[in-house]
Amino acid sequence: MSKSLLEQALRLKPHEKFAIIEGLLQSLDEPNKNLDEIWAIEAQKRLEAYRNGTLKGVPMEKIFENQIIGQTGKKSENRNKS
């Protein structure tokens, strides 16, 4: 990126900066059909493995518990038990 381009962008009004940032971010989020196809194939493989018993599921509660422990380093005391 050229220095003059950055200097020009920095002189823009806030709403103009926002419009440029939004446009740039949207250009990064454009769908990648190749990646979508790869993930679709992977998802199908995982589903087949689960159905034939070579891949085991993990209960949602366990996933959330592991996520909470990973973020805080300790188990949550405030879990709802229904």
Protein backbone atom coordinates (compact mmCIF):
# COMPACT_ATOMS: atom_id res chain seq x y z
CA MET A 1 0.00 0.00 0.00
CA SER A 2 1.35 3.38 -0.88
CA LYS A 3 1.91 5.89 1.86
CA SER A 4 -0.03 8.56 -0.04
CA LEU A 5 -3.10 6.30 -0.20
CA LEU A 6 -3.04 5.87 3.56
CA GLU A 7 -2.52 9.60 4.07
CA GLN A 8 -5.51 10.34 1.83
CA ALA A 9 -7.67 7.83 3.70
CA LEU A 10 -6.72 9.35 7.05
CA ARG A 11 -7.93 12.76 5.87
CA LEU A 12 -11.42 11.44 5.09
CA LYS A 13 -14.45 12.24 7.21
CA PRO A 14 -15.46 9.48 9.65
CA HIS A 15 -18.45 8.34 7.57
CA GLU A 16 -16.23 8.14 4.47
CA LYS A 17 -13.67 6.06 6.37
CA PHE A 18 -16.45 3.78 7.51
CA ALA A 19 -17.69 3.29 3.94
CA ILE A 20 -14.18 2.31 2.80
CA ILE A 21 -13.64 -0.03 5.73
CA GLU A 22 -17.02 -1.67 5.16
CA GLY A 23 -16.28 -2.16 1.47
CA LEU A 24 -12.87 -3.67 2.18
CA LEU A 25 -14.27 -6.06 4.79
CA GLN A 26 -17.05 -7.18 2.45
CA SER A 27 -14.48 -7.90 -0.24
CA LEU A 28 -12.68 -10.21 2.21
CA ASP A 29 -15.93 -12.01 3.06
CA GLU A 30 -16.77 -12.96 -0.52
CA PRO A 31 -17.69 -16.63 -0.75
CA ASN A 32 -14.97 -19.01 -1.78
CA LYS A 33 -16.69 -21.73 -3.80
CA ASN A 34 -13.62 -23.93 -3.65
CA LEU A 35 -13.53 -23.74 0.14
CA ASP A 36 -17.30 -24.31 0.36
CA GLU A 37 -16.91 -27.48 -1.72
CA ILE A 38 -14.06 -28.75 0.46
CA TRP A 39 -16.12 -28.20 3.63
CA ALA A 40 -19.19 -29.87 2.10
CA ILE A 41 -17.09 -32.97 1.32
CA GLU A 42 -15.61 -32.95 4.82
CA ALA A 43 -19.04 -32.59 6.43
CA GLN A 44 -20.35 -35.52 4.38
CA LYS A 45 -17.37 -37.67 5.44
CA ARG A 46 -17.95 -36.81 9.10
CA LEU A 47 -21.66 -37.57 8.86
CA GLU A 48 -20.96 -40.96 7.24
CA ALA A 49 -18.33 -41.75 9.89
CA TYR A 50 -20.80 -40.87 12.65
CA ARG A 51 -23.54 -42.99 11.08
CA ASN A 52 -21.31 -46.05 10.66
CA GLY A 53 -19.92 -45.73 14.19
CA THR A 54 -16.31 -44.79 13.44
CA LEU A 55 -16.86 -41.27 14.79
CA LYS A 56 -18.54 -40.66 18.12
CA GLY A 57 -20.57 -37.61 19.01
CA VAL A 58 -19.89 -35.35 21.97
CA PRO A 59 -22.85 -34.14 24.05
CA MET A 60 -23.49 -30.40 23.72
CA GLU A 61 -23.20 -29.95 27.50
CA LYS A 62 -19.68 -31.38 27.43
CA ILE A 63 -18.66 -29.05 24.61
CA PHE A 64 -19.98 -26.01 26.48
CA GLU A 65 -18.37 -27.17 29.71
CA ASN A 66 -15.01 -27.57 27.96
CA GLN A 67 -15.41 -24.13 26.37
CA ILE A 68 -16.13 -22.50 29.73
CA ILE A 69 -13.22 -24.28 31.39
CA GLY A 70 -10.92 -23.30 28.53
CA GLN A 71 -11.83 -19.63 28.87
CA THR A 72 -11.80 -19.35 32.66
CA GLY A 73 -9.58 -22.20 33.78
CA LYS A 74 -12.33 -23.50 36.09
CA LYS A 75 -15.77 -25.08 35.91
CA SER A 76 -18.79 -22.80 35.98
CA GLU A 77 -20.81 -23.00 39.20
CA ASN A 78 -23.90 -21.40 37.62
CA ARG A 79 -24.96 -24.09 35.17
CA ASN A 80 -28.69 -24.67 34.77
CA LYS A 81 -29.75 -28.19 35.65
CA SER A 82 -33.13 -29.10 34.20
